[in-house]
Amino acid sequence: MNVTDAIRSRRSIKRFTDRAVTRDDVERVIAAAALAPNHRLTEPWRFYVLGPEARHAYGLALGDRKARKLSNPEAIAALRQKVAAEHRALPCMIAAAMVTSDDPEVREEDYAAVMMAIQNLALAAVDLGLGTHIKTGAVMDTAAARQAVGVPDDQRIVAIINLGEPAEIPPPKTRHEGSEHTIWLP
């Protein structure tokens, strides 16, 4: 598959089949991720492949965050367990983290590099017939999420990538042409 076709085909996949993702496939998408451009060749990315127990623990952390809006203890417990079970059942979860730098300029460049690595990973997944759902959010800074992923203090979780064979592929969302966001300067 050529790159343009992969870009046009990539979707956020919400539901996956039960088919397991092979270690070879995981290694291939991570290898593609590690080819992303990165200023100063810092290679700031770190990838954590979460097994069933780690996915469950991460799901509990996310469930706790979602449950903050609830007041009923039974509803809170049910939501936590539901989210944790959904995460345990995912075929594969990869946490993309970055080594943090004290230098704000390097930190910003490294964050951009990790996001480019995640895009490479998503496009490589499309090429393998797999789909991804890239998740970001404040939950990644919680102690429970960091512990579930095993991220040390000198790293930041940038995104969680759910990976697997799509159970369904949603239609493309309407987007504006790139030319509508382009300014040509003299």
N, C-alpha and C. Protein backbone atom coordinates (compact mmCIF):
# COMPACT_ATOMS: atom_id res chain seq x y z
N MET A 1 0.86 -1.18 0.00
CA MET A 1 0.00 0.00 0.00
C MET A 1 0.90 1.23 0.00
N ASN A 2 0.55 2.22 -0.83
CA ASN A 2 1.37 3.42 -0.81
C ASN A 2 0.95 4.33 0.35
N VAL A 3 1.80 5.26 0.67
CA VAL A 3 1.60 6.11 1.85
C VAL A 3 0.31 6.92 1.75
N THR A 4 0.03 7.49 0.59
CA THR A 4 -1.18 8.30 0.43
C THR A 4 -2.43 7.46 0.67
N ASP A 5 -2.44 6.23 0.16
CA ASP A 5 -3.59 5.36 0.39
C ASP A 5 -3.72 5.02 1.88
N ALA A 6 -2.60 4.79 2.54
CA ALA A 6 -2.65 4.50 3.98
C ALA A 6 -3.19 5.70 4.75
N ILE A 7 -2.76 6.90 4.38
CA ILE A 7 -3.25 8.11 5.04
C ILE A 7 -4.75 8.24 4.83
N ARG A 8 -5.21 8.03 3.61
CA ARG A 8 -6.64 8.15 3.32
C ARG A 8 -7.46 7.04 3.97
N SER A 9 -6.85 5.89 4.22
CA SER A 9 -7.57 4.75 4.78
C SER A 9 -7.60 4.74 6.31
N ARG A 10 -6.69 5.44 6.94
CA ARG A 10 -6.60 5.39 8.41
C ARG A 10 -7.86 5.94 9.05
N ARG A 11 -8.38 5.24 10.02
CA ARG A 11 -9.55 5.66 10.79
C ARG A 11 -9.29 5.36 12.26
N SER A 12 -10.03 6.03 13.11
CA SER A 12 -10.04 5.67 14.54
C SER A 12 -11.01 4.51 14.69
N ILE A 13 -10.47 3.36 15.07
CA ILE A 13 -11.27 2.15 15.18
C ILE A 13 -11.75 2.00 16.62
N LYS A 14 -13.05 1.91 16.77
CA LYS A 14 -13.64 1.82 18.12
C LYS A 14 -13.85 0.36 18.55
N ARG A 15 -14.10 -0.53 17.58
CA ARG A 15 -14.34 -1.94 17.89
C ARG A 15 -13.39 -2.83 17.09
N PHE A 16 -12.83 -3.79 17.80
CA PHE A 16 -11.88 -4.72 17.20
C PHE A 16 -12.44 -6.14 17.26
N THR A 17 -11.96 -7.01 16.36
CA THR A 17 -12.31 -8.41 16.45
C THR A 17 -11.53 -9.02 17.62
N ASP A 18 -11.80 -10.29 17.90
CA ASP A 18 -11.09 -10.98 18.97
C ASP A 18 -9.73 -11.51 18.54
N ARG A 19 -9.40 -11.36 17.26
CA ARG A 19 -8.13 -11.88 16.77
C ARG A 19 -6.96 -11.21 17.49
N ALA A 20 -6.05 -12.03 17.97
CA ALA A 20 -4.87 -11.50 18.67
C ALA A 20 -3.96 -10.79 17.67
N VAL A 21 -3.25 -9.80 18.15
CA VAL A 21 -2.23 -9.13 17.36
C VAL A 21 -0.92 -9.85 17.66
N THR A 22 -0.21 -10.24 16.62
CA THR A 22 1.02 -10.99 16.83
C THR A 22 2.15 -10.09 17.32
N ARG A 23 3.09 -10.70 17.98
CA ARG A 23 4.27 -9.96 18.42
C ARG A 23 5.00 -9.37 17.22
N ASP A 24 5.06 -10.13 16.12
CA ASP A 24 5.71 -9.64 14.91
C ASP A 24 5.03 -8.36 14.41
N ASP A 25 3.69 -8.35 14.40
CA ASP A 25 2.97 -7.15 13.96
C ASP A 25 3.26 -5.97 14.89
N VAL A 26 3.28 -6.21 16.18
CA VAL A 26 3.58 -5.14 17.14
C VAL A 26 5.00 -4.62 16.89
N GLU A 27 5.93 -5.51 16.73
CA GLU A 27 7.31 -5.09 16.47
C GLU A 27 7.43 -4.31 15.17
N ARG A 28 6.66 -4.70 14.16
CA ARG A 28 6.71 -4.00 12.87
C ARG A 28 6.16 -2.58 12.98
N VAL A 29 5.06 -2.39 13.70
CA VAL A 29 4.51 -1.03 13.80
C VAL A 29 5.40 -0.16 14.68
N ILE A 30 6.01 -0.75 15.69
CA ILE A 30 6.93 0.02 16.53
C ILE A 30 8.20 0.36 15.75
N ALA A 31 8.67 -0.54 14.92
CA ALA A 31 9.84 -0.26 14.08
C ALA A 31 9.55 0.93 13.16
N ALA A 32 8.34 0.97 12.61
CA ALA A 32 7.96 2.11 11.76
C ALA A 32 7.90 3.39 12.58
N ALA A 33 7.39 3.29 13.79
CA ALA A 33 7.30 4.46 14.67
C ALA A 33 8.68 5.04 14.93
N ALA A 34 9.64 4.17 15.16
CA ALA A 34 10.99 4.61 15.51
C ALA A 34 11.74 5.25 14.35
N LEU A 35 11.14 5.26 13.17
CA LEU A 35 11.75 5.93 12.02
C LEU A 35 11.29 7.38 11.88
N ALA A 36 10.49 7.85 12.82
CA ALA A 36 9.98 9.22 12.75
C ALA A 36 11.11 10.23 12.86
N PRO A 37 10.93 11.39 12.21
CA PRO A 37 11.93 12.45 12.36
C PRO A 37 12.01 12.91 13.81
N ASN A 38 13.21 13.19 14.26
CA ASN A 38 13.38 13.76 15.60
C ASN A 38 14.62 14.61 15.63
N HIS A 39 14.39 15.87 15.97
CA HIS A 39 15.46 16.86 15.99
C HIS A 39 16.53 16.43 16.98
N ARG A 40 17.75 16.59 16.60
CA ARG A 40 18.92 16.24 17.42
C ARG A 40 19.08 14.74 17.62
N LEU A 41 18.27 13.94 16.91
CA LEU A 41 18.27 12.48 17.06
C LEU A 41 18.18 12.05 18.52
N THR A 42 17.27 12.69 19.25
CA THR A 42 17.08 12.35 20.65
C THR A 42 16.37 11.01 20.85
N GLU A 43 15.65 10.55 19.82
CA GLU A 43 14.86 9.32 19.92
C GLU A 43 14.13 9.26 21.28
N PRO A 44 13.25 10.23 21.51
CA PRO A 44 12.65 10.38 22.83
C PRO A 44 11.55 9.38 23.16
N TRP A 45 11.13 8.60 22.18
CA TRP A 45 10.00 7.71 22.38
C TRP A 45 10.38 6.47 23.17
N ARG A 46 9.39 6.00 23.91
CA ARG A 46 9.46 4.71 24.60
C ARG A 46 8.09 4.07 24.40
N PHE A 47 8.08 2.79 24.09
CA PHE A 47 6.83 2.09 23.83
C PHE A 47 6.64 0.99 24.86
N TYR A 48 5.47 0.96 25.45
CA TYR A 48 5.12 -0.04 26.44
C TYR A 48 3.94 -0.84 25.89
N VAL A 49 4.15 -2.14 25.68
CA VAL A 49 3.10 -3.01 25.17
C VAL A 49 2.44 -3.63 26.40
N LEU A 50 1.17 -3.31 26.58
CA LEU A 50 0.45 -3.71 27.79
C LEU A 50 -0.22 -5.07 27.62
N GLY A 51 0.12 -6.00 28.50
CA GLY A 51 -0.55 -7.30 28.54
C GLY A 51 -1.91 -7.16 29.20
N PRO A 52 -2.65 -8.26 29.32
CA PRO A 52 -4.02 -8.19 29.86
C PRO A 52 -4.12 -7.55 31.25
N GLU A 53 -3.18 -7.88 32.14
CA GLU A 53 -3.26 -7.31 33.50
C GLU A 53 -2.95 -5.82 33.49
N ALA A 54 -1.98 -5.41 32.70
CA ALA A 54 -1.66 -3.98 32.60
C ALA A 54 -2.82 -3.22 31.94
N ARG A 55 -3.44 -3.83 30.92
CA ARG A 55 -4.61 -3.18 30.29
C ARG A 55 -5.74 -3.03 31.30
N HIS A 56 -5.95 -4.06 32.10
CA HIS A 56 -6.99 -4.00 33.13
C HIS A 56 -6.69 -2.90 34.14
N ALA A 57 -5.44 -2.83 34.59
CA ALA A 57 -5.05 -1.79 35.56
C ALA A 57 -5.22 -0.40 34.96
N TYR A 58 -4.85 -0.25 33.69
CA TYR A 58 -5.05 1.05 33.03
C TYR A 58 -6.55 1.36 32.93
N GLY A 59 -7.35 0.36 32.60
CA GLY A 59 -8.79 0.54 32.53
C GLY A 59 -9.38 0.96 33.87
N LEU A 60 -8.86 0.42 34.96
CA LEU A 60 -9.33 0.85 36.29
C LEU A 60 -9.00 2.32 36.52
N ALA A 61 -7.80 2.74 36.11
CA ALA A 61 -7.42 4.15 36.27
C ALA A 61 -8.34 5.04 35.46
N LEU A 62 -8.62 4.64 34.23
CA LEU A 62 -9.53 5.43 33.39
C LEU A 62 -10.95 5.40 33.96
N GLY A 63 -11.37 4.23 34.43
CA GLY A 63 -12.70 4.11 35.04
C GLY A 63 -12.84 5.01 36.26
N ASP A 64 -11.79 5.10 37.07
CA ASP A 64 -11.81 6.01 38.23
C ASP A 64 -12.03 7.45 37.77
N ARG A 65 -11.34 7.82 36.73
CA ARG A 65 -11.46 9.20 36.21
C ARG A 65 -12.87 9.46 35.69
N LYS A 66 -13.42 8.51 34.94
CA LYS A 66 -14.78 8.67 34.41
C LYS A 66 -15.82 8.68 35.52
N ALA A 67 -15.55 7.94 36.58
CA ALA A 67 -16.51 7.81 37.67
C ALA A 67 -16.57 9.04 38.56
N ARG A 68 -15.67 9.99 38.38
CA ARG A 68 -15.70 11.21 39.21
C ARG A 68 -17.00 11.97 39.07
N LYS A 69 -17.70 11.76 37.96
CA LYS A 69 -18.96 12.46 37.72
C LYS A 69 -20.14 11.79 38.43
N LEU A 70 -19.90 10.61 39.01
CA LEU A 70 -20.97 9.85 39.65
C LEU A 70 -20.90 9.99 41.17
N SER A 71 -22.03 9.76 41.82
CA SER A 71 -22.04 9.82 43.29
C SER A 71 -22.46 8.49 43.92
N ASN A 72 -23.16 7.66 43.18
CA ASN A 72 -23.63 6.38 43.68
C ASN A 72 -22.47 5.37 43.72
N PRO A 73 -22.14 4.83 44.91
CA PRO A 73 -21.00 3.91 45.02
C PRO A 73 -21.12 2.67 44.13
N GLU A 74 -22.35 2.14 43.98
CA GLU A 74 -22.51 0.96 43.12
C GLU A 74 -22.27 1.33 41.66
N ALA A 75 -22.74 2.50 41.24
CA ALA A 75 -22.54 2.95 39.86
C ALA A 75 -21.06 3.19 39.59
N ILE A 76 -20.37 3.74 40.59
CA ILE A 76 -18.92 3.98 40.46
C ILE A 76 -18.19 2.65 40.28
N ALA A 77 -18.49 1.69 41.13
CA ALA A 77 -17.83 0.37 41.04
C ALA A 77 -18.14 -0.31 39.71
N ALA A 78 -19.39 -0.22 39.28
CA ALA A 78 -19.79 -0.86 38.02
C ALA A 78 -19.07 -0.22 36.83
N LEU A 79 -18.98 1.10 36.83
CA LEU A 79 -18.30 1.79 35.74
C LEU A 79 -16.82 1.42 35.71
N ARG A 80 -16.18 1.43 36.87
CA ARG A 80 -14.76 1.06 36.94
C ARG A 80 -14.53 -0.33 36.36
N GLN A 81 -15.36 -1.28 36.78
CA GLN A 81 -15.18 -2.66 36.33
C GLN A 81 -15.48 -2.81 34.84
N LYS A 82 -16.48 -2.07 34.35
CA LYS A 82 -16.82 -2.13 32.93
C LYS A 82 -15.67 -1.62 32.07
N VAL A 83 -15.12 -0.46 32.44
CA VAL A 83 -14.02 0.12 31.68
C VAL A 83 -12.78 -0.78 31.76
N ALA A 84 -12.52 -1.32 32.94
CA ALA A 84 -11.36 -2.21 33.10
C ALA A 84 -11.52 -3.47 32.25
N ALA A 85 -12.71 -4.05 32.23
CA ALA A 85 -12.95 -5.26 31.44
C ALA A 85 -12.83 -4.96 29.94
N GLU A 86 -13.32 -3.80 29.51
CA GLU A 86 -13.19 -3.42 28.09
C GLU A 86 -11.72 -3.31 27.69
N HIS A 87 -10.91 -2.75 28.58
CA HIS A 87 -9.49 -2.60 28.26
C HIS A 87 -8.77 -3.95 28.28
N ARG A 88 -9.11 -4.79 29.22
CA ARG A 88 -8.49 -6.13 29.27
C ARG A 88 -8.79 -6.89 27.98
N ALA A 89 -9.99 -6.70 27.43
CA ALA A 89 -10.43 -7.44 26.24
C ALA A 89 -9.82 -6.92 24.94
N LEU A 90 -9.18 -5.76 24.96
CA LEU A 90 -8.58 -5.24 23.73
C LEU A 90 -7.50 -6.19 23.23
N PRO A 91 -7.38 -6.32 21.90
CA PRO A 91 -6.33 -7.21 21.37
C PRO A 91 -4.93 -6.74 21.72
N CYS A 92 -4.71 -5.42 21.74
CA CYS A 92 -3.38 -4.88 22.03
C CYS A 92 -3.50 -3.42 22.42
N MET A 93 -2.71 -3.02 23.39
CA MET A 93 -2.59 -1.61 23.79
C MET A 93 -1.11 -1.28 23.87
N ILE A 94 -0.76 -0.17 23.27
CA ILE A 94 0.62 0.31 23.34
C ILE A 94 0.59 1.72 23.93
N ALA A 95 1.38 1.94 24.96
CA ALA A 95 1.53 3.29 25.50
C ALA A 95 2.77 3.88 24.84
N ALA A 96 2.59 5.05 24.25
CA ALA A 96 3.73 5.79 23.69
C ALA A 96 4.09 6.87 24.70
N ALA A 97 5.31 6.80 25.17
CA ALA A 97 5.78 7.77 26.17
C ALA A 97 6.99 8.48 25.60
N MET A 98 7.37 9.54 26.28
CA MET A 98 8.57 10.27 25.88
C MET A 98 9.43 10.54 27.10
N VAL A 99 10.72 10.52 26.88
CA VAL A 99 11.67 10.92 27.91
C VAL A 99 11.56 12.43 28.01
N THR A 100 11.38 12.94 29.21
CA THR A 100 11.22 14.38 29.37
C THR A 100 12.57 15.05 29.57
N SER A 101 12.67 16.23 29.01
CA SER A 101 13.90 17.02 29.10
C SER A 101 13.62 18.25 29.96
N ASP A 102 14.63 18.71 30.67
CA ASP A 102 14.49 19.95 31.43
C ASP A 102 14.50 21.17 30.52
N ASP A 103 15.01 21.00 29.31
CA ASP A 103 15.08 22.09 28.34
C ASP A 103 13.73 22.20 27.64
N PRO A 104 13.01 23.33 27.79
CA PRO A 104 11.67 23.46 27.19
C PRO A 104 11.67 23.31 25.67
N GLU A 105 12.72 23.77 25.00
CA GLU A 105 12.77 23.65 23.54
C GLU A 105 12.90 22.19 23.13
N VAL A 106 13.77 21.45 23.79
CA VAL A 106 13.95 20.03 23.49
C VAL A 106 12.67 19.27 23.83
N ARG A 107 12.06 19.61 24.95
CA ARG A 107 10.82 18.94 25.36
C ARG A 107 9.73 19.10 24.30
N GLU A 108 9.59 20.29 23.76
CA GLU A 108 8.59 20.55 22.72
C GLU A 108 8.92 19.78 21.44
N GLU A 109 10.18 19.81 21.05
CA GLU A 109 10.60 19.07 19.85
C GLU A 109 10.38 17.57 20.03
N ASP A 110 10.68 17.07 21.21
CA ASP A 110 10.52 15.64 21.48
C ASP A 110 9.05 15.23 21.49
N TYR A 111 8.18 16.07 22.02
CA TYR A 111 6.74 15.78 22.00
C TYR A 111 6.27 15.67 20.54
N ALA A 112 6.69 16.61 19.70
CA ALA A 112 6.31 16.57 18.29
C ALA A 112 6.84 15.29 17.64
N ALA A 113 8.05 14.90 17.98
CA ALA A 113 8.64 13.68 17.40
C ALA A 113 7.84 12.45 17.80
N VAL A 114 7.42 12.38 19.06
CA VAL A 114 6.64 11.23 19.51
C VAL A 114 5.29 11.19 18.80
N MET A 115 4.67 12.34 18.59
CA MET A 115 3.40 12.35 17.85
C MET A 115 3.61 11.89 16.41
N MET A 116 4.73 12.26 15.78
CA MET A 116 5.03 11.77 14.44
C MET A 116 5.27 10.25 14.46
N ALA A 117 5.91 9.77 15.51
CA ALA A 117 6.12 8.33 15.64
C ALA A 117 4.78 7.60 15.75
N ILE A 118 3.84 8.19 16.49
CA ILE A 118 2.52 7.58 16.63
C ILE A 118 1.81 7.54 15.27
N GLN A 119 1.94 8.60 14.48
CA GLN A 119 1.35 8.59 13.14
C GLN A 119 1.99 7.50 12.28
N ASN A 120 3.31 7.36 12.34
CA ASN A 120 3.97 6.28 11.61
C ASN A 120 3.42 4.93 12.04
N LEU A 121 3.25 4.74 13.34
CA LEU A 121 2.72 3.49 13.86
C LEU A 121 1.32 3.23 13.30
N ALA A 122 0.47 4.24 13.30
CA ALA A 122 -0.90 4.09 12.81
C ALA A 122 -0.92 3.75 11.32
N LEU A 123 -0.06 4.38 10.54
CA LEU A 123 -0.02 4.10 9.10
C LEU A 123 0.54 2.71 8.82
N ALA A 124 1.53 2.29 9.59
CA ALA A 124 2.07 0.93 9.43
C ALA A 124 1.00 -0.10 9.79
N ALA A 125 0.17 0.21 10.78
CA ALA A 125 -0.93 -0.69 11.15
C ALA A 125 -1.90 -0.85 9.99
N VAL A 126 -2.25 0.24 9.33
CA VAL A 126 -3.15 0.18 8.17
C VAL A 126 -2.55 -0.74 7.12
N ASP A 127 -1.26 -0.60 6.87
CA ASP A 127 -0.59 -1.43 5.87
C ASP A 127 -0.67 -2.91 6.21
N LEU A 128 -0.74 -3.24 7.51
CA LEU A 128 -0.83 -4.63 7.95
C LEU A 128 -2.27 -5.13 8.07
N GLY A 129 -3.22 -4.26 7.70
CA GLY A 129 -4.63 -4.65 7.83
C GLY A 129 -5.17 -4.48 9.24
N LEU A 130 -4.45 -3.72 10.06
CA LEU A 130 -4.86 -3.48 11.44
C LEU A 130 -5.39 -2.05 11.56
N GLY A 131 -6.04 -1.79 12.66
CA GLY A 131 -6.54 -0.46 12.93
C GLY A 131 -6.06 0.02 14.28
N THR A 132 -6.16 1.32 14.48
CA THR A 132 -5.73 1.92 15.74
C THR A 132 -6.79 2.89 16.24
N HIS A 133 -6.75 3.12 17.52
CA HIS A 133 -7.49 4.22 18.13
C HIS A 133 -6.50 4.90 19.07
N ILE A 134 -6.13 6.12 18.74
CA ILE A 134 -5.14 6.87 19.50
C ILE A 134 -5.86 7.69 20.56
N LYS A 135 -5.49 7.47 21.81
CA LYS A 135 -6.15 8.14 22.94
C LYS A 135 -5.15 9.02 23.67
N THR A 136 -5.60 10.23 23.97
CA THR A 136 -4.81 11.15 24.79
C THR A 136 -5.71 11.64 25.91
N GLY A 137 -5.15 12.34 26.87
CA GLY A 137 -5.99 12.90 27.92
C GLY A 137 -5.28 12.97 29.26
N ALA A 138 -5.93 13.65 30.17
CA ALA A 138 -5.35 13.91 31.48
C ALA A 138 -5.16 12.65 32.31
N VAL A 139 -5.90 11.59 32.03
CA VAL A 139 -5.76 10.37 32.80
C VAL A 139 -4.32 9.85 32.75
N MET A 140 -3.62 10.16 31.68
CA MET A 140 -2.26 9.64 31.52
C MET A 140 -1.27 10.21 32.52
N ASP A 141 -1.64 11.32 33.15
CA ASP A 141 -0.77 11.92 34.17
C ASP A 141 -1.09 11.41 35.58
N THR A 142 -2.12 10.58 35.71
CA THR A 142 -2.47 10.09 37.04
C THR A 142 -1.48 9.03 37.50
N ALA A 143 -1.31 8.93 38.81
CA ALA A 143 -0.38 7.94 39.36
C ALA A 143 -0.82 6.52 38.98
N ALA A 144 -2.13 6.26 39.01
CA ALA A 144 -2.62 4.91 38.69
C ALA A 144 -2.33 4.53 37.24
N ALA A 145 -2.52 5.45 36.32
CA ALA A 145 -2.25 5.17 34.90
C ALA A 145 -0.75 4.97 34.69
N ARG A 146 0.04 5.83 35.28
CA ARG A 146 1.50 5.71 35.13
C ARG A 146 1.99 4.39 35.71
N GLN A 147 1.42 3.99 36.84
CA GLN A 147 1.82 2.72 37.46
C GLN A 147 1.38 1.54 36.59
N ALA A 148 0.18 1.60 36.02
CA ALA A 148 -0.31 0.52 35.16
C ALA A 148 0.60 0.32 33.96
N VAL A 149 1.08 1.42 33.41
CA VAL A 149 1.93 1.36 32.22
C VAL A 149 3.39 1.07 32.60
N GLY A 150 3.79 1.43 33.81
CA GLY A 150 5.17 1.21 34.24
C GLY A 150 6.11 2.30 33.81
N VAL A 151 5.58 3.51 33.64
CA VAL A 151 6.38 4.64 33.17
C VAL A 151 7.15 5.24 34.35
N PRO A 152 8.47 5.37 34.20
CA PRO A 152 9.26 5.98 35.28
C PRO A 152 9.04 7.50 35.35
N ASP A 153 9.53 8.09 36.40
CA ASP A 153 9.31 9.52 36.65
C ASP A 153 9.89 10.44 35.58
N ASP A 154 10.91 9.98 34.86
CA ASP A 154 11.53 10.85 33.86
C ASP A 154 10.86 10.73 32.48
N GLN A 155 9.66 10.12 32.46
CA GLN A 155 8.93 9.97 31.21
C GLN A 155 7.49 10.46 31.37
N ARG A 156 6.90 10.78 30.23
CA ARG A 156 5.51 11.23 30.17
C ARG A 156 4.77 10.37 29.17
N ILE A 157 3.58 9.87 29.53
CA ILE A 157 2.76 9.15 28.56
C ILE A 157 2.16 10.18 27.61
N VAL A 158 2.38 10.00 26.33
CA VAL A 158 1.86 10.92 25.32
C VAL A 158 0.53 10.42 24.79
N ALA A 159 0.41 9.11 24.56
CA ALA A 159 -0.83 8.55 24.03
C ALA A 159 -0.88 7.06 24.31
N ILE A 160 -2.10 6.57 24.32
CA ILE A 160 -2.36 5.13 24.36
C ILE A 160 -2.90 4.78 22.99
N ILE A 161 -2.35 3.72 22.40
CA ILE A 161 -2.81 3.30 21.08
C ILE A 161 -3.42 1.92 21.21
N ASN A 162 -4.73 1.83 20.95
CA ASN A 162 -5.39 0.54 20.87
C ASN A 162 -5.14 0.02 19.46
N LEU A 163 -4.78 -1.25 19.36
CA LEU A 163 -4.37 -1.83 18.09
C LEU A 163 -5.05 -3.18 17.91
N GLY A 164 -5.57 -3.41 16.72
CA GLY A 164 -6.17 -4.71 16.45
C GLY A 164 -6.80 -4.75 15.08
N GLU A 165 -7.39 -5.90 14.77
CA GLU A 165 -8.12 -6.05 13.51
C GLU A 165 -9.46 -5.35 13.67
N PRO A 166 -9.79 -4.42 12.79
CA PRO A 166 -11.06 -3.70 12.91
C PRO A 166 -12.26 -4.63 12.77
N ALA A 167 -13.22 -4.50 13.69
CA ALA A 167 -14.49 -5.21 13.55
C ALA A 167 -15.35 -4.50 12.52
N GLU A 168 -15.16 -3.21 12.43
CA GLU A 168 -15.83 -2.40 11.41
C GLU A 168 -14.97 -1.17 11.16
N ILE A 169 -15.04 -0.69 9.94
CA ILE A 169 -14.27 0.51 9.57
C ILE A 169 -15.27 1.62 9.31
N PRO A 170 -15.22 2.66 10.13
CA PRO A 170 -16.18 3.75 9.94
C PRO A 170 -15.90 4.52 8.65
N PRO A 171 -16.92 5.17 8.12
CA PRO A 171 -16.69 5.98 6.92
C PRO A 171 -15.82 7.18 7.28
N PRO A 172 -15.19 7.76 6.28
CA PRO A 172 -14.35 8.94 6.58
C PRO A 172 -15.21 10.11 7.05
N LYS A 173 -14.63 10.89 7.93
CA LYS A 173 -15.30 12.11 8.39
C LYS A 173 -15.04 13.21 7.37
N THR A 174 -15.97 14.12 7.28
CA THR A 174 -15.81 15.24 6.37
C THR A 174 -14.69 16.15 6.87
N ARG A 175 -13.79 16.45 5.99
CA ARG A 175 -12.66 17.34 6.31
C ARG A 175 -12.53 18.38 5.23
N HIS A 176 -11.98 19.50 5.62
CA HIS A 176 -11.70 20.55 4.64
C HIS A 176 -10.45 20.19 3.85
N GLU A 177 -10.39 20.64 2.64
CA GLU A 177 -9.19 20.45 1.83
C GLU A 177 -8.03 21.23 2.46
N GLY A 178 -6.84 20.71 2.30
CA GLY A 178 -5.65 21.39 2.83
C GLY A 178 -5.51 22.80 2.30
N SER A 179 -5.97 23.03 1.07
CA SER A 179 -5.86 24.35 0.47
C SER A 179 -6.68 25.40 1.24
N GLU A 180 -7.70 24.95 1.97
CA GLU A 180 -8.51 25.89 2.75
C GLU A 180 -7.77 26.37 4.00
N HIS A 181 -6.69 25.71 4.33
CA HIS A 181 -5.90 26.07 5.51
C HIS A 181 -4.50 26.54 5.12
N THR A 182 -4.34 26.90 3.86
CA THR A 182 -3.02 27.25 3.35
C THR A 182 -2.94 28.71 2.98
N ILE A 183 -1.88 29.35 3.38
CA ILE A 183 -1.60 30.73 3.02
C ILE A 183 -0.28 30.75 2.26
N TRP A 184 -0.30 31.28 1.06
CA TRP A 184 0.90 31.38 0.25
C TRP A 184 1.48 32.79 0.41
N LEU A 185 2.72 32.83 0.79
CA LEU A 185 3.38 34.12 1.01
C LEU A 185 4.29 34.46 -0.15
N PRO A 186 4.45 35.76 -0.43
CA PRO A 186 5.34 36.16 -1.53
C PRO A 186 6.81 35.93 -1.16
